[in-house]
Amino acid sequence: MGRIVIVAYKPKEDKADALRLLVKTHVPRLLKLGLVTDREPVIVESEDGTIVEIFEWLSAEAIQQAHSNLVVHQMWSEFAEVCDYVPLKTLNETANMFAEFKILE
C-alpha cells in the first residue's frame, strides 16, 4: 500500500532557484527506480520560500529500500547542497486552519 509523505525543503542562501529545479526531478527519478507511484506530486511554496512536496512512495518497504539505494543517496546529497529539511510546523501557513501555499510552476 502506498505511503503519502509531505516534506518541506528550506533553500540555503542563494540556492532557491537550484532547489526549484531539483525538486521537479525528485519524483521522476524515484519513479525510474520503482520506488514511488505514478501519482503526480504536489509541489508548492510557502511565503518564506520553503518548498513543500507531497508525493506517494510505493510502500513502506520502498521507503526502506531507498535508504540503501546508492542512486537515492546521491540524489539526497544533491538536496543537501541546496536545502535543509524543516518540520512543517515551522511554516507560518500551518498555523491556519486551512494552510494555503503558492503553486510552484
N, C-alpha and C. Protein backbone atom coordinates (compact mmCIF):
# COMPACT_ATOMS: atom_id res chain seq x y z
N MET A 1 0.83 -1.18 0.00
CA MET A 1 0.00 0.00 0.00
C MET A 1 0.88 1.25 0.00
N GLY A 2 0.50 2.25 -0.78
CA GLY A 2 1.27 3.49 -0.90
C GLY A 2 1.33 4.26 0.41
N ARG A 3 2.32 5.12 0.49
CA ARG A 3 2.53 5.96 1.67
C ARG A 3 2.70 7.40 1.21
N ILE A 4 1.74 8.26 1.52
CA ILE A 4 1.82 9.68 1.18
C ILE A 4 2.74 10.36 2.19
N VAL A 5 3.67 11.16 1.68
CA VAL A 5 4.55 11.93 2.55
C VAL A 5 4.49 13.40 2.15
N ILE A 6 4.75 14.23 3.13
CA ILE A 6 4.84 15.68 2.92
C ILE A 6 6.19 16.10 3.47
N VAL A 7 6.98 16.75 2.63
CA VAL A 7 8.33 17.16 3.05
C VAL A 7 8.51 18.63 2.73
N ALA A 8 9.22 19.34 3.62
CA ALA A 8 9.49 20.77 3.43
C ALA A 8 10.99 20.98 3.28
N TYR A 9 11.36 21.65 2.19
CA TYR A 9 12.77 21.94 1.87
C TYR A 9 12.99 23.45 1.97
N LYS A 10 13.78 23.89 2.91
CA LYS A 10 14.10 25.32 3.04
C LYS A 10 15.40 25.57 2.28
N PRO A 11 15.35 26.42 1.24
CA PRO A 11 16.56 26.63 0.44
C PRO A 11 17.67 27.31 1.23
N LYS A 12 18.89 26.89 0.97
CA LYS A 12 20.04 27.56 1.55
C LYS A 12 20.23 28.88 0.82
N GLU A 13 21.00 29.75 1.41
CA GLU A 13 21.20 31.09 0.84
C GLU A 13 21.67 30.99 -0.61
N ASP A 14 21.00 31.74 -1.47
CA ASP A 14 21.31 31.80 -2.91
C ASP A 14 21.11 30.47 -3.64
N LYS A 15 20.32 29.56 -3.08
CA LYS A 15 20.10 28.24 -3.70
C LYS A 15 18.64 27.99 -4.05
N ALA A 16 17.78 29.00 -3.95
CA ALA A 16 16.35 28.81 -4.19
C ALA A 16 16.07 28.33 -5.61
N ASP A 17 16.71 28.92 -6.60
CA ASP A 17 16.46 28.51 -7.98
C ASP A 17 16.92 27.08 -8.22
N ALA A 18 18.08 26.74 -7.68
CA ALA A 18 18.60 25.37 -7.83
C ALA A 18 17.65 24.38 -7.16
N LEU A 19 17.10 24.73 -6.01
CA LEU A 19 16.16 23.85 -5.32
C LEU A 19 14.89 23.67 -6.15
N ARG A 20 14.37 24.76 -6.70
CA ARG A 20 13.15 24.66 -7.52
C ARG A 20 13.35 23.69 -8.68
N LEU A 21 14.49 23.75 -9.31
CA LEU A 21 14.78 22.85 -10.43
C LEU A 21 14.94 21.41 -9.94
N LEU A 22 15.65 21.23 -8.86
CA LEU A 22 15.93 19.89 -8.34
C LEU A 22 14.66 19.18 -7.89
N VAL A 23 13.79 19.88 -7.19
CA VAL A 23 12.60 19.22 -6.65
C VAL A 23 11.70 18.72 -7.78
N LYS A 24 11.73 19.36 -8.92
CA LYS A 24 10.92 18.90 -10.06
C LYS A 24 11.42 17.57 -10.63
N THR A 25 12.68 17.22 -10.35
CA THR A 25 13.24 15.96 -10.84
C THR A 25 13.11 14.84 -9.81
N HIS A 26 12.74 15.17 -8.60
CA HIS A 26 12.76 14.22 -7.49
C HIS A 26 11.89 12.98 -7.76
N VAL A 27 10.60 13.19 -7.93
CA VAL A 27 9.70 12.06 -8.11
C VAL A 27 9.97 11.32 -9.42
N PRO A 28 10.21 12.01 -10.54
CA PRO A 28 10.53 11.26 -11.76
C PRO A 28 11.74 10.33 -11.59
N ARG A 29 12.73 10.77 -10.85
CA ARG A 29 13.91 9.93 -10.62
C ARG A 29 13.57 8.73 -9.74
N LEU A 30 12.76 8.96 -8.70
CA LEU A 30 12.33 7.84 -7.84
C LEU A 30 11.44 6.88 -8.61
N LEU A 31 10.63 7.40 -9.52
CA LEU A 31 9.75 6.56 -10.33
C LEU A 31 10.57 5.61 -11.21
N LYS A 32 11.65 6.11 -11.79
CA LYS A 32 12.52 5.26 -12.61
C LYS A 32 13.12 4.12 -11.80
N LEU A 33 13.28 4.35 -10.51
CA LEU A 33 13.84 3.32 -9.63
C LEU A 33 12.76 2.38 -9.09
N GLY A 34 11.50 2.65 -9.42
CA GLY A 34 10.40 1.81 -8.96
C GLY A 34 10.06 1.98 -7.49
N LEU A 35 10.33 3.17 -6.94
CA LEU A 35 10.14 3.39 -5.51
C LEU A 35 8.89 4.20 -5.18
N VAL A 36 8.32 4.89 -6.17
CA VAL A 36 7.13 5.71 -5.94
C VAL A 36 6.06 5.33 -6.95
N THR A 37 4.83 5.76 -6.66
CA THR A 37 3.74 5.53 -7.60
C THR A 37 3.79 6.59 -8.69
N ASP A 38 2.94 6.43 -9.69
CA ASP A 38 2.90 7.43 -10.76
C ASP A 38 1.96 8.58 -10.43
N ARG A 39 1.51 8.67 -9.18
CA ARG A 39 0.69 9.80 -8.74
C ARG A 39 1.50 11.09 -8.90
N GLU A 40 0.91 12.07 -9.52
CA GLU A 40 1.60 13.35 -9.74
C GLU A 40 1.86 14.04 -8.39
N PRO A 41 3.10 14.45 -8.14
CA PRO A 41 3.38 15.13 -6.88
C PRO A 41 2.76 16.52 -6.87
N VAL A 42 2.48 17.01 -5.69
CA VAL A 42 2.05 18.39 -5.50
C VAL A 42 3.26 19.14 -4.95
N ILE A 43 3.64 20.22 -5.63
CA ILE A 43 4.81 20.99 -5.21
C ILE A 43 4.37 22.44 -5.06
N VAL A 44 4.52 22.97 -3.84
CA VAL A 44 4.08 24.32 -3.52
C VAL A 44 5.20 25.07 -2.79
N GLU A 45 4.99 26.38 -2.64
CA GLU A 45 6.00 27.22 -1.99
C GLU A 45 5.34 28.05 -0.90
N SER A 46 6.00 28.12 0.25
CA SER A 46 5.49 28.93 1.36
C SER A 46 5.93 30.38 1.17
N GLU A 47 5.39 31.25 2.01
CA GLU A 47 5.71 32.67 1.90
C GLU A 47 7.19 32.96 2.15
N ASP A 48 7.87 32.08 2.89
CA ASP A 48 9.29 32.31 3.17
C ASP A 48 10.20 31.61 2.16
N GLY A 49 9.61 31.02 1.11
CA GLY A 49 10.41 30.37 0.07
C GLY A 49 10.65 28.89 0.27
N THR A 50 10.16 28.33 1.36
CA THR A 50 10.29 26.90 1.59
C THR A 50 9.42 26.15 0.59
N ILE A 51 9.98 25.12 -0.02
CA ILE A 51 9.25 24.30 -0.98
C ILE A 51 8.66 23.11 -0.22
N VAL A 52 7.38 22.85 -0.46
CA VAL A 52 6.70 21.71 0.15
C VAL A 52 6.30 20.76 -0.96
N GLU A 53 6.66 19.49 -0.79
CA GLU A 53 6.36 18.47 -1.79
C GLU A 53 5.51 17.38 -1.14
N ILE A 54 4.46 16.98 -1.84
CA ILE A 54 3.60 15.88 -1.39
C ILE A 54 3.67 14.81 -2.48
N PHE A 55 4.09 13.62 -2.10
CA PHE A 55 4.21 12.55 -3.09
C PHE A 55 3.93 11.20 -2.43
N GLU A 56 3.86 10.16 -3.25
CA GLU A 56 3.48 8.84 -2.75
C GLU A 56 4.57 7.80 -3.01
N TRP A 57 5.13 7.28 -1.94
CA TRP A 57 6.01 6.13 -2.04
C TRP A 57 5.16 4.92 -2.41
N LEU A 58 5.76 3.96 -3.08
CA LEU A 58 5.05 2.74 -3.48
C LEU A 58 4.57 1.96 -2.25
N SER A 59 5.39 1.94 -1.20
CA SER A 59 5.06 1.18 0.01
C SER A 59 6.06 1.56 1.11
N ALA A 60 5.77 1.08 2.31
CA ALA A 60 6.72 1.28 3.41
C ALA A 60 8.04 0.58 3.08
N GLU A 61 7.95 -0.56 2.39
CA GLU A 61 9.16 -1.29 2.00
C GLU A 61 10.00 -0.48 1.01
N ALA A 62 9.32 0.24 0.11
CA ALA A 62 10.05 1.07 -0.86
C ALA A 62 10.82 2.18 -0.15
N ILE A 63 10.24 2.73 0.89
CA ILE A 63 10.94 3.74 1.68
C ILE A 63 12.21 3.15 2.26
N GLN A 64 12.11 1.94 2.81
CA GLN A 64 13.28 1.28 3.38
C GLN A 64 14.32 0.98 2.31
N GLN A 65 13.87 0.55 1.13
CA GLN A 65 14.79 0.29 0.02
C GLN A 65 15.55 1.55 -0.37
N ALA A 66 14.87 2.69 -0.34
CA ALA A 66 15.53 3.95 -0.70
C ALA A 66 16.72 4.23 0.20
N HIS A 67 16.61 3.84 1.45
CA HIS A 67 17.68 4.11 2.41
C HIS A 67 18.95 3.31 2.14
N SER A 68 18.87 2.29 1.30
CA SER A 68 20.06 1.51 0.96
C SER A 68 20.41 1.61 -0.53
N ASN A 69 19.77 2.53 -1.23
CA ASN A 69 19.98 2.68 -2.67
C ASN A 69 21.01 3.79 -2.92
N LEU A 70 22.11 3.47 -3.58
CA LEU A 70 23.17 4.44 -3.81
C LEU A 70 22.73 5.60 -4.70
N VAL A 71 21.85 5.34 -5.66
CA VAL A 71 21.34 6.40 -6.54
C VAL A 71 20.51 7.39 -5.72
N VAL A 72 19.71 6.88 -4.82
CA VAL A 72 18.90 7.75 -3.96
C VAL A 72 19.81 8.55 -3.03
N HIS A 73 20.83 7.91 -2.50
CA HIS A 73 21.76 8.64 -1.63
C HIS A 73 22.44 9.78 -2.37
N GLN A 74 22.78 9.56 -3.64
CA GLN A 74 23.37 10.63 -4.44
C GLN A 74 22.38 11.79 -4.60
N MET A 75 21.11 11.44 -4.85
CA MET A 75 20.09 12.47 -5.00
C MET A 75 19.92 13.24 -3.69
N TRP A 76 19.91 12.55 -2.58
CA TRP A 76 19.79 13.21 -1.29
C TRP A 76 20.98 14.13 -1.04
N SER A 77 22.15 13.77 -1.53
CA SER A 77 23.32 14.64 -1.42
C SER A 77 23.11 15.93 -2.22
N GLU A 78 22.50 15.80 -3.38
CA GLU A 78 22.19 16.98 -4.19
C GLU A 78 21.24 17.90 -3.44
N PHE A 79 20.24 17.32 -2.78
CA PHE A 79 19.32 18.13 -1.98
C PHE A 79 20.06 18.80 -0.82
N ALA A 80 20.96 18.08 -0.17
CA ALA A 80 21.70 18.63 0.97
C ALA A 80 22.54 19.84 0.58
N GLU A 81 22.95 19.91 -0.68
CA GLU A 81 23.75 21.05 -1.15
C GLU A 81 22.91 22.32 -1.29
N VAL A 82 21.60 22.17 -1.50
CA VAL A 82 20.77 23.35 -1.80
C VAL A 82 19.69 23.65 -0.76
N CYS A 83 19.47 22.73 0.20
CA CYS A 83 18.39 22.99 1.16
C CYS A 83 18.62 22.26 2.47
N ASP A 84 17.80 22.65 3.43
CA ASP A 84 17.69 21.95 4.71
C ASP A 84 16.26 21.45 4.81
N TYR A 85 16.07 20.26 5.38
CA TYR A 85 14.73 19.74 5.63
C TYR A 85 14.22 20.39 6.92
N VAL A 86 12.99 20.88 6.89
CA VAL A 86 12.43 21.53 8.07
C VAL A 86 11.08 20.93 8.40
N PRO A 87 10.69 20.92 9.68
CA PRO A 87 9.37 20.43 10.05
C PRO A 87 8.28 21.33 9.48
N LEU A 88 7.18 20.73 9.07
CA LEU A 88 6.07 21.51 8.52
C LEU A 88 5.59 22.56 9.51
N LYS A 89 5.60 22.23 10.79
CA LYS A 89 5.07 23.15 11.80
C LYS A 89 5.85 24.46 11.88
N THR A 90 7.04 24.52 11.27
CA THR A 90 7.81 25.77 11.28
C THR A 90 7.33 26.76 10.23
N LEU A 91 6.45 26.32 9.34
CA LEU A 91 5.92 27.20 8.29
C LEU A 91 4.72 27.97 8.83
N ASN A 92 4.71 29.27 8.63
CA ASN A 92 3.62 30.12 9.14
C ASN A 92 2.26 29.63 8.65
N GLU A 93 2.20 29.13 7.45
CA GLU A 93 0.94 28.70 6.86
C GLU A 93 0.26 27.59 7.67
N THR A 94 1.04 26.78 8.35
CA THR A 94 0.46 25.65 9.08
C THR A 94 -0.25 26.07 10.35
N ALA A 95 -0.13 27.33 10.75
CA ALA A 95 -0.87 27.82 11.91
C ALA A 95 -2.33 28.11 11.57
N ASN A 96 -2.65 28.15 10.30
CA ASN A 96 -4.02 28.42 9.85
C ASN A 96 -4.81 27.12 9.75
N MET A 97 -6.11 27.23 9.92
CA MET A 97 -6.99 26.07 9.78
C MET A 97 -6.84 25.44 8.40
N PHE A 98 -6.75 26.30 7.39
CA PHE A 98 -6.56 25.85 6.00
C PHE A 98 -5.25 26.46 5.52
N ALA A 99 -4.18 25.69 5.52
CA ALA A 99 -2.87 26.19 5.10
C ALA A 99 -2.88 26.40 3.59
N GLU A 100 -2.54 27.61 3.16
CA GLU A 100 -2.51 27.94 1.74
C GLU A 100 -1.09 28.19 1.30
N PHE A 101 -0.77 27.69 0.09
CA PHE A 101 0.55 27.84 -0.48
C PHE A 101 0.45 28.24 -1.93
N LYS A 102 1.51 28.83 -2.43
CA LYS A 102 1.60 29.18 -3.85
C LYS A 102 2.04 27.93 -4.62
N ILE A 103 1.38 27.66 -5.74
CA ILE A 103 1.76 26.52 -6.57
C ILE A 103 3.10 26.83 -7.24
N LEU A 104 4.01 25.89 -7.18
CA LEU A 104 5.30 26.06 -7.85
C LEU A 104 5.13 25.72 -9.31
N GLU A 105 5.35 26.69 -10.15
CA GLU A 105 5.17 26.49 -11.60
C GLU A 105 6.41 25.88 -12.20
